[in-house]
Amino acid sequence: MEAEAALRAVRGLAKANRLVFTKHAAREAVECGATRDDVRCALSNAKSIRASGRERASDWTVTGPDQVGDDLDIAVIVEDGILIITVY
């Protein structure tokens, strides 16, 4: 999947609330003070996406604003119409 298509998919899946958080991602969110709604907001309004690289557990790293406008970097996998949040 190309980056622009991946960005459209991420935004659409987040807006449809098709999100799954790994246990690690849920722990990391609590530690950094981000709520699930912050993550969904950042993904729904994502402004950039880049390939995460082979050494990462994710396919893409997405940057977008949370509910108060602070940027979050979120690692994701797009799979079978679901957006899997892997790490922050």
PDB file of N, CA and C in Angstrom:
ATOM      1  N   MET A   1       0.845  -1.171   0.000  1.00  0.00           N
ATOM      2  CA  MET A   1       0.000   0.000   0.000  1.00  0.00           C
ATOM      3  C   MET A   1       0.894   1.238   0.000  1.00  0.00           C
ATOM      4  N   GLU A   2       0.554   2.185  -0.820  1.00  0.00           N
ATOM      5  CA  GLU A   2       1.285   3.453  -0.882  1.00  0.00           C
ATOM      6  C   GLU A   2       0.902   4.339   0.307  1.00  0.00           C
ATOM      7  N   ALA A   3       1.759   5.290   0.632  1.00  0.00           N
ATOM      8  CA  ALA A   3       1.558   6.137   1.808  1.00  0.00           C
ATOM      9  C   ALA A   3       0.241   6.915   1.761  1.00  0.00           C
ATOM     10  N   GLU A   4      -0.086   7.509   0.629  1.00  0.00           N
ATOM     11  CA  GLU A   4      -1.317   8.308   0.547  1.00  0.00           C
ATOM     12  C   GLU A   4      -2.548   7.430   0.749  1.00  0.00           C
ATOM     13  N   ALA A   5      -2.545   6.240   0.174  1.00  0.00           N
ATOM     14  CA  ALA A   5      -3.659   5.302   0.372  1.00  0.00           C
ATOM     15  C   ALA A   5      -3.718   4.838   1.822  1.00  0.00           C
ATOM     16  N   ALA A   6      -2.568   4.626   2.425  1.00  0.00           N
ATOM     17  CA  ALA A   6      -2.524   4.218   3.830  1.00  0.00           C
ATOM     18  C   ALA A   6      -3.068   5.329   4.725  1.00  0.00           C
ATOM     19  N   LEU A   7      -2.718   6.571   4.436  1.00  0.00           N
ATOM     20  CA  LEU A   7      -3.211   7.695   5.222  1.00  0.00           C
ATOM     21  C   LEU A   7      -4.732   7.797   5.126  1.00  0.00           C
ATOM     22  N   ARG A   8      -5.284   7.642   3.927  1.00  0.00           N
ATOM     23  CA  ARG A   8      -6.743   7.653   3.765  1.00  0.00           C
ATOM     24  C   ARG A   8      -7.380   6.508   4.548  1.00  0.00           C
ATOM     25  N   ALA A   9      -6.769   5.327   4.492  1.00  0.00           N
ATOM     26  CA  ALA A   9      -7.297   4.162   5.218  1.00  0.00           C
ATOM     27  C   ALA A   9      -7.265   4.406   6.722  1.00  0.00           C
ATOM     28  N   VAL A  10      -6.165   4.935   7.226  1.00  0.00           N
ATOM     29  CA  VAL A  10      -6.040   5.212   8.663  1.00  0.00           C
ATOM     30  C   VAL A  10      -7.120   6.182   9.111  1.00  0.00           C
ATOM     31  N   ARG A  11      -7.270   7.274   8.387  1.00  0.00           N
ATOM     32  CA  ARG A  11      -8.287   8.265   8.754  1.00  0.00           C
ATOM     33  C   ARG A  11      -9.686   7.654   8.756  1.00  0.00           C
ATOM     34  N   GLY A  12     -10.005   6.918   7.706  1.00  0.00           N
ATOM     35  CA  GLY A  12     -11.331   6.319   7.591  1.00  0.00           C
ATOM     36  C   GLY A  12     -11.611   5.279   8.668  1.00  0.00           C
ATOM     37  N   LEU A  13     -10.647   4.420   8.929  1.00  0.00           N
ATOM     38  CA  LEU A  13     -10.833   3.389   9.956  1.00  0.00           C
ATOM     39  C   LEU A  13     -10.951   4.010  11.346  1.00  0.00           C
ATOM     40  N   ALA A  14     -10.177   5.055  11.597  1.00  0.00           N
ATOM     41  CA  ALA A  14     -10.278   5.730  12.898  1.00  0.00           C
ATOM     42  C   ALA A  14     -11.634   6.402  13.056  1.00  0.00           C
ATOM     43  N   LYS A  15     -12.100   7.074  12.018  1.00  0.00           N
ATOM     44  CA  LYS A  15     -13.408   7.733  12.089  1.00  0.00           C
ATOM     45  C   LYS A  15     -14.528   6.722  12.293  1.00  0.00           C
ATOM     46  N   ALA A  16     -14.370   5.512  11.748  1.00  0.00           N
ATOM     47  CA  ALA A  16     -15.362   4.447  11.917  1.00  0.00           C
ATOM     48  C   ALA A  16     -15.158   3.682  13.234  1.00  0.00           C
ATOM     49  N   ASN A  17     -14.172   4.108  14.014  1.00  0.00           N
ATOM     50  CA  ASN A  17     -13.844   3.489  15.300  1.00  0.00           C
ATOM     51  C   ASN A  17     -13.461   2.018  15.156  1.00  0.00           C
ATOM     52  N   ARG A  18     -12.762   1.686  14.093  1.00  0.00           N
ATOM     53  CA  ARG A  18     -12.294   0.320  13.833  1.00  0.00           C
ATOM     54  C   ARG A  18     -10.868   0.182  14.368  1.00  0.00           C
ATOM     55  N   LEU A  19     -10.709   0.382  15.679  1.00  0.00           N
ATOM     56  CA  LEU A  19      -9.404   0.394  16.322  1.00  0.00           C
ATOM     57  C   LEU A  19      -9.263  -0.769  17.285  1.00  0.00           C
ATOM     58  N   VAL A  20      -8.089  -1.349  17.306  1.00  0.00           N
ATOM     59  CA  VAL A  20      -7.723  -2.369  18.288  1.00  0.00           C
ATOM     60  C   VAL A  20      -6.392  -1.953  18.881  1.00  0.00           C
ATOM     61  N   PHE A  21      -6.317  -1.916  20.204  1.00  0.00           N
ATOM     62  CA  PHE A  21      -5.084  -1.566  20.897  1.00  0.00           C
ATOM     63  C   PHE A  21      -4.417  -2.835  21.418  1.00  0.00           C
ATOM     64  N   THR A  22      -3.124  -2.985  21.155  1.00  0.00           N
ATOM     65  CA  THR A  22      -2.393  -4.072  21.790  1.00  0.00           C
ATOM     66  C   THR A  22      -2.240  -3.711  23.273  1.00  0.00           C
ATOM     67  N   LYS A  23      -1.929  -4.699  24.088  1.00  0.00           N
ATOM     68  CA  LYS A  23      -1.730  -4.433  25.522  1.00  0.00           C
ATOM     69  C   LYS A  23      -0.622  -3.422  25.733  1.00  0.00           C
ATOM     70  N   HIS A  24       0.441  -3.565  24.955  1.00  0.00           N
ATOM     71  CA  HIS A  24       1.574  -2.636  25.071  1.00  0.00           C
ATOM     72  C   HIS A  24       1.125  -1.207  24.757  1.00  0.00           C
ATOM     73  N   ALA A  25       0.359  -1.035  23.703  1.00  0.00           N
ATOM     74  CA  ALA A  25      -0.098   0.299  23.316  1.00  0.00           C
ATOM     75  C   ALA A  25      -0.998   0.898  24.384  1.00  0.00           C
ATOM     76  N   ALA A  26      -1.870   0.093  24.973  1.00  0.00           N
ATOM     77  CA  ALA A  26      -2.754   0.585  26.028  1.00  0.00           C
ATOM     78  C   ALA A  26      -1.940   1.064  27.233  1.00  0.00           C
ATOM     79  N   ARG A  27      -0.909   0.312  27.613  1.00  0.00           N
ATOM     80  CA  ARG A  27      -0.035   0.714  28.725  1.00  0.00           C
ATOM     81  C   ARG A  27       0.704   2.007  28.391  1.00  0.00           C
ATOM     82  N   GLU A  28       1.243   2.074  27.179  1.00  0.00           N
ATOM     83  CA  GLU A  28       1.988   3.268  26.768  1.00  0.00           C
ATOM     84  C   GLU A  28       1.092   4.505  26.765  1.00  0.00           C
ATOM     85  N   ALA A  29      -0.157   4.350  26.342  1.00  0.00           N
ATOM     86  CA  ALA A  29      -1.090   5.480  26.318  1.00  0.00           C
ATOM     87  C   ALA A  29      -1.292   6.025  27.729  1.00  0.00           C
ATOM     88  N   VAL A  30      -1.498   5.129  28.685  1.00  0.00           N
ATOM     89  CA  VAL A  30      -1.680   5.551  30.078  1.00  0.00           C
ATOM     90  C   VAL A  30      -0.439   6.279  30.571  1.00  0.00           C
ATOM     91  N   GLU A  31       0.729   5.733  30.269  1.00  0.00           N
ATOM     92  CA  GLU A  31       1.982   6.334  30.729  1.00  0.00           C
ATOM     93  C   GLU A  31       2.221   7.724  30.161  1.00  0.00           C
ATOM     94  N   CYS A  32       1.812   7.952  28.914  1.00  0.00           N
ATOM     95  CA  CYS A  32       2.057   9.273  28.316  1.00  0.00           C
ATOM     96  C   CYS A  32       0.862  10.218  28.475  1.00  0.00           C
ATOM     97  N   GLY A  33      -0.205   9.748  29.133  1.00  0.00           N
ATOM     98  CA  GLY A  33      -1.347  10.608  29.399  1.00  0.00           C
ATOM     99  C   GLY A  33      -2.318  10.750  28.248  1.00  0.00           C
ATOM    100  N   ALA A  34      -2.213   9.898  27.256  1.00  0.00           N
ATOM    101  CA  ALA A  34      -3.130   9.947  26.110  1.00  0.00           C
ATOM    102  C   ALA A  34      -4.285   8.978  26.341  1.00  0.00           C
ATOM    103  N   THR A  35      -5.491   9.422  26.062  1.00  0.00           N
ATOM    104  CA  THR A  35      -6.660   8.555  26.155  1.00  0.00           C
ATOM    105  C   THR A  35      -6.909   7.885  24.805  1.00  0.00           C
ATOM    106  N   ARG A  36      -7.780   6.901  24.808  1.00  0.00           N
ATOM    107  CA  ARG A  36      -8.168   6.276  23.542  1.00  0.00           C
ATOM    108  C   ARG A  36      -8.813   7.304  22.611  1.00  0.00           C
ATOM    109  N   ASP A  37      -9.570   8.243  23.184  1.00  0.00           N
ATOM    110  CA  ASP A  37     -10.174   9.295  22.365  1.00  0.00           C
ATOM    111  C   ASP A  37      -9.120  10.210  21.758  1.00  0.00           C
ATOM    112  N   ASP A  38      -8.021  10.462  22.503  1.00  0.00           N
ATOM    113  CA  ASP A  38      -6.909  11.252  21.946  1.00  0.00           C
ATOM    114  C   ASP A  38      -6.309  10.532  20.742  1.00  0.00           C
ATOM    115  N   VAL A  39      -6.109   9.227  20.881  1.00  0.00           N
ATOM    116  CA  VAL A  39      -5.533   8.436  19.794  1.00  0.00           C
ATOM    117  C   VAL A  39      -6.464   8.435  18.595  1.00  0.00           C
ATOM    118  N   ARG A  40      -7.743   8.212  18.835  1.00  0.00           N
ATOM    119  CA  ARG A  40      -8.715   8.201  17.735  1.00  0.00           C
ATOM    120  C   ARG A  40      -8.751   9.569  17.040  1.00  0.00           C
ATOM    121  N   CYS A  41      -8.719  10.635  17.811  1.00  0.00           N
ATOM    122  CA  CYS A  41      -8.704  11.987  17.241  1.00  0.00           C
ATOM    123  C   CYS A  41      -7.460  12.189  16.379  1.00  0.00           C
ATOM    124  N   ALA A  42      -6.306  11.789  16.902  1.00  0.00           N
ATOM    125  CA  ALA A  42      -5.052  11.959  16.157  1.00  0.00           C
ATOM    126  C   ALA A  42      -5.075  11.174  14.850  1.00  0.00           C
ATOM    127  N   LEU A  43      -5.605   9.963  14.893  1.00  0.00           N
ATOM    128  CA  LEU A  43      -5.649   9.141  13.681  1.00  0.00           C
ATOM    129  C   LEU A  43      -6.703   9.643  12.701  1.00  0.00           C
ATOM    130  N   SER A  44      -7.842  10.084  13.212  1.00  0.00           N
ATOM    131  CA  SER A  44      -8.903  10.609  12.345  1.00  0.00           C
ATOM    132  C   SER A  44      -8.470  11.855  11.603  1.00  0.00           C
ATOM    133  N   ASN A  45      -7.595  12.629  12.240  1.00  0.00           N
ATOM    134  CA  ASN A  45      -7.135  13.905  11.677  1.00  0.00           C
ATOM    135  C   ASN A  45      -5.658  13.870  11.326  1.00  0.00           C
ATOM    136  N   ALA A  46      -5.151  12.683  11.062  1.00  0.00           N
ATOM    137  CA  ALA A  46      -3.720  12.499  10.790  1.00  0.00           C
ATOM    138  C   ALA A  46      -3.258  13.429   9.678  1.00  0.00           C
ATOM    139  N   LYS A  47      -2.082  14.022   9.894  1.00  0.00           N
ATOM    140  CA  LYS A  47      -1.547  14.938   8.879  1.00  0.00           C
ATOM    141  C   LYS A  47      -0.351  14.364   8.139  1.00  0.00           C
ATOM    142  N   SER A  48       0.239  13.284   8.693  1.00  0.00           N
ATOM    143  CA  SER A  48       1.344  12.656   7.973  1.00  0.00           C
ATOM    144  C   SER A  48       1.457  11.182   8.340  1.00  0.00           C
ATOM    145  N   ILE A  49       2.112  10.449   7.437  1.00  0.00           N
ATOM    146  CA  ILE A  49       2.325   9.022   7.630  1.00  0.00           C
ATOM    147  C   ILE A  49       3.660   8.666   6.993  1.00  0.00           C
ATOM    148  N   ARG A  50       4.357   7.739   7.623  1.00  0.00           N
ATOM    149  CA  ARG A  50       5.621   7.267   7.040  1.00  0.00           C
ATOM    150  C   ARG A  50       5.758   5.780   7.357  1.00  0.00           C
ATOM    151  N   ALA A  51       6.458   5.089   6.503  1.00  0.00           N
ATOM    152  CA  ALA A  51       6.715   3.672   6.752  1.00  0.00           C
ATOM    153  C   ALA A  51       7.541   3.546   8.021  1.00  0.00           C
ATOM    154  N   SER A  52       7.197   2.574   8.856  1.00  0.00           N
ATOM    155  CA  SER A  52       7.878   2.418  10.146  1.00  0.00           C
ATOM    156  C   SER A  52       9.249   1.778  10.015  1.00  0.00           C
ATOM    157  N   GLY A  53       9.475   1.030   8.981  1.00  0.00           N
ATOM    158  CA  GLY A  53      10.761   0.362   8.808  1.00  0.00           C
ATOM    159  C   GLY A  53      10.689  -1.095   9.232  1.00  0.00           C
ATOM    160  N   ARG A  54      11.564  -1.886   8.690  1.00  0.00           N
ATOM    161  CA  ARG A  54      11.547  -3.332   8.923  1.00  0.00           C
ATOM    162  C   ARG A  54      11.808  -3.740  10.361  1.00  0.00           C
ATOM    163  N   GLU A  55      12.551  -2.931  11.103  1.00  0.00           N
ATOM    164  CA  GLU A  55      12.889  -3.302  12.474  1.00  0.00           C
ATOM    165  C   GLU A  55      11.755  -3.013  13.452  1.00  0.00           C
ATOM    166  N   ARG A  56      10.679  -2.428  12.991  1.00  0.00           N
ATOM    167  CA  ARG A  56       9.547  -2.062  13.844  1.00  0.00           C
ATOM    168  C   ARG A  56       8.458  -3.128  13.811  1.00  0.00           C
ATOM    169  N   ALA A  57       7.626  -3.106  14.854  1.00  0.00           N
ATOM    170  CA  ALA A  57       6.497  -4.040  14.946  1.00  0.00           C
ATOM    171  C   ALA A  57       5.291  -3.532  14.171  1.00  0.00           C
ATOM    172  N   SER A  58       5.394  -2.327  13.617  1.00  0.00           N
ATOM    173  CA  SER A  58       4.269  -1.729  12.904  1.00  0.00           C
ATOM    174  C   SER A  58       4.626  -1.508  11.435  1.00  0.00           C
ATOM    175  N   ASP A  59       3.593  -1.230  10.649  1.00  0.00           N
ATOM    176  CA  ASP A  59       3.795  -0.919   9.233  1.00  0.00           C
ATOM    177  C   ASP A  59       3.988   0.579   9.002  1.00  0.00           C
ATOM    178  N   TRP A  60       3.236   1.378   9.761  1.00  0.00           N
ATOM    179  CA  TRP A  60       3.208   2.817   9.543  1.00  0.00           C
ATOM    180  C   TRP A  60       3.330   3.568  10.861  1.00  0.00           C
ATOM    181  N   THR A  61       3.931   4.744  10.808  1.00  0.00           N
ATOM    182  CA  THR A  61       3.932   5.673  11.931  1.00  0.00           C
ATOM    183  C   THR A  61       3.154   6.898  11.475  1.00  0.00           C
ATOM    184  N   VAL A  62       2.116   7.221  12.220  1.00  0.00           N
ATOM    185  CA  VAL A  62       1.173   8.279  11.862  1.00  0.00           C
ATOM    186  C   VAL A  62       1.307   9.419  12.868  1.00  0.00           C
ATOM    187  N   THR A  63       1.271  10.654  12.372  1.00  0.00           N
ATOM    188  CA  THR A  63       1.305  11.831  13.241  1.00  0.00           C
ATOM    189  C   THR A  63       0.028  12.631  13.038  1.00  0.00           C
ATOM    190  N   GLY A  64      -0.590  12.988  14.173  1.00  0.00           N
ATOM    191  CA  GLY A  64      -1.812  13.783  14.111  1.00  0.00           C
ATOM    192  C   GLY A  64      -2.095  14.425  15.452  1.00  0.00           C
ATOM    193  N   PRO A  65      -3.005  15.409  15.479  1.00  0.00           N
ATOM    194  CA  PRO A  65      -3.303  16.145  16.702  1.00  0.00           C
ATOM    195  C   PRO A  65      -4.299  15.393  17.598  1.00  0.00           C
ATOM    196  N   ASP A  66      -4.024  15.424  18.910  1.00  0.00           N
ATOM    197  CA  ASP A  66      -4.980  14.851  19.856  1.00  0.00           C
ATOM    198  C   ASP A  66      -6.111  15.851  20.088  1.00  0.00           C
ATOM    199  N   GLN A  67      -6.905  15.633  21.116  1.00  0.00           N
ATOM    200  CA  GLN A  67      -8.085  16.469  21.349  1.00  0.00           C
ATOM    201  C   GLN A  67      -7.765  17.918  21.712  1.00  0.00           C
ATOM    202  N   VAL A  68      -6.561  18.174  22.209  1.00  0.00           N
ATOM    203  CA  VAL A  68      -6.182  19.553  22.541  1.00  0.00           C
ATOM    204  C   VAL A  68      -5.182  20.137  21.546  1.00  0.00           C
ATOM    205  N   GLY A  69      -4.899  19.387  20.476  1.00  0.00           N
ATOM    206  CA  GLY A  69      -4.030  19.905  19.421  1.00  0.00           C
ATOM    207  C   GLY A  69      -2.578  19.505  19.510  1.00  0.00           C
ATOM    208  N   ASP A  70      -2.203  18.729  20.528  1.00  0.00           N
ATOM    209  CA  ASP A  70      -0.822  18.250  20.629  1.00  0.00           C
ATOM    210  C   ASP A  70      -0.626  17.057  19.704  1.00  0.00           C
ATOM    211  N   ASP A  71       0.489  17.036  18.983  1.00  0.00           N
ATOM    212  CA  ASP A  71       0.750  15.937  18.054  1.00  0.00           C
ATOM    213  C   ASP A  71       1.108  14.648  18.784  1.00  0.00           C
ATOM    214  N   LEU A  72       0.535  13.559  18.320  1.00  0.00           N
ATOM    215  CA  LEU A  72       0.882  12.219  18.773  1.00  0.00           C
ATOM    216  C   LEU A  72       1.489  11.467  17.599  1.00  0.00           C
ATOM    217  N   ASP A  73       2.516  10.686  17.861  1.00  0.00           N
ATOM    218  CA  ASP A  73       3.065   9.751  16.882  1.00  0.00           C
ATOM    219  C   ASP A  73       2.573   8.370  17.289  1.00  0.00           C
ATOM    220  N   ILE A  74       1.896   7.691  16.364  1.00  0.00           N
ATOM    221  CA  ILE A  74       1.249   6.425  16.677  1.00  0.00           C
ATOM    222  C   ILE A  74       1.645   5.386  15.641  1.00  0.00           C
ATOM    223  N   ALA A  75       2.100   4.239  16.113  1.00  0.00           N
ATOM    224  CA  ALA A  75       2.481   3.147  15.221  1.00  0.00           C
ATOM    225  C   ALA A  75       1.273   2.254  14.984  1.00  0.00           C
ATOM    226  N   VAL A  76       1.013   1.945  13.721  1.00  0.00           N
ATOM    227  CA  VAL A  76      -0.188   1.184  13.376  1.00  0.00           C
ATOM    228  C   VAL A  76       0.094   0.111  12.331  1.00  0.00           C
ATOM    229  N   ILE A  77      -0.825  -0.840  12.305  1.00  0.00           N
ATOM    230  CA  ILE A  77      -0.897  -1.843  11.246  1.00  0.00           C
ATOM    231  C   ILE A  77      -2.318  -1.772  10.689  1.00  0.00           C
ATOM    232  N   VAL A  78      -2.450  -1.685   9.371  1.00  0.00           N
ATOM    233  CA  VAL A  78      -3.753  -1.720   8.719  1.00  0.00           C
ATOM    234  C   VAL A  78      -3.947  -3.151   8.231  1.00  0.00           C
ATOM    235  N   GLU A  79      -4.981  -3.824   8.776  1.00  0.00           N
ATOM    236  CA  GLU A  79      -5.179  -5.233   8.446  1.00  0.00           C
ATOM    237  C   GLU A  79      -6.662  -5.591   8.454  1.00  0.00           C
ATOM    238  N   ASP A  80      -7.158  -6.100   7.360  1.00  0.00           N
ATOM    239  CA  ASP A  80      -8.531  -6.597   7.261  1.00  0.00           C
ATOM    240  C   ASP A  80      -9.577  -5.597   7.750  1.00  0.00           C
ATOM    241  N   GLY A  81      -9.431  -4.340   7.377  1.00  0.00           N
ATOM    242  CA  GLY A  81     -10.408  -3.325   7.741  1.00  0.00           C
ATOM    243  C   GLY A  81     -10.365  -2.908   9.197  1.00  0.00           C
ATOM    244  N   ILE A  82      -9.267  -3.205   9.872  1.00  0.00           N
ATOM    245  CA  ILE A  82      -9.087  -2.819  11.267  1.00  0.00           C
ATOM    246  C   ILE A  82      -7.743  -2.121  11.393  1.00  0.00           C
ATOM    247  N   LEU A  83      -7.695  -1.119  12.244  1.00  0.00           N
ATOM    248  CA  LEU A  83      -6.469  -0.385  12.510  1.00  0.00           C
ATOM    249  C   LEU A  83      -5.933  -0.861  13.851  1.00  0.00           C
ATOM    250  N   ILE A  84      -4.793  -1.527  13.822  1.00  0.00           N
ATOM    251  CA  ILE A  84      -4.199  -2.080  15.044  1.00  0.00           C
ATOM    252  C   ILE A  84      -3.159  -1.087  15.546  1.00  0.00           C
ATOM    253  N   ILE A  85      -3.364  -0.604  16.758  1.00  0.00           N
ATOM    254  CA  ILE A  85      -2.447   0.331  17.387  1.00  0.00           C
ATOM    255  C   ILE A  85      -1.411  -0.509  18.123  1.00  0.00           C
ATOM    256  N   THR A  86      -0.144  -0.403  17.726  1.00  0.00           N
ATOM    257  CA  THR A  86       0.850  -1.292  18.305  1.00  0.00           C
ATOM    258  C   THR A  86       1.697  -0.632  19.385  1.00  0.00           C
ATOM    259  N   VAL A  87       2.252   0.538  19.119  1.00  0.00           N
ATOM    260  CA  VAL A  87       3.094   1.217  20.099  1.00  0.00           C
ATOM    261  C   VAL A  87       2.999   2.712  19.909  1.00  0.00           C
ATOM    262  N   TYR A  88       3.516   3.463  20.872  1.00  0.00           N
ATOM    263  CA  TYR A  88       3.568   4.925  20.770  1.00  0.00           C
ATOM    264  C   TYR A  88       5.003   5.349  20.710  1.00  0.00           C
TER     265      TYR A  88
END
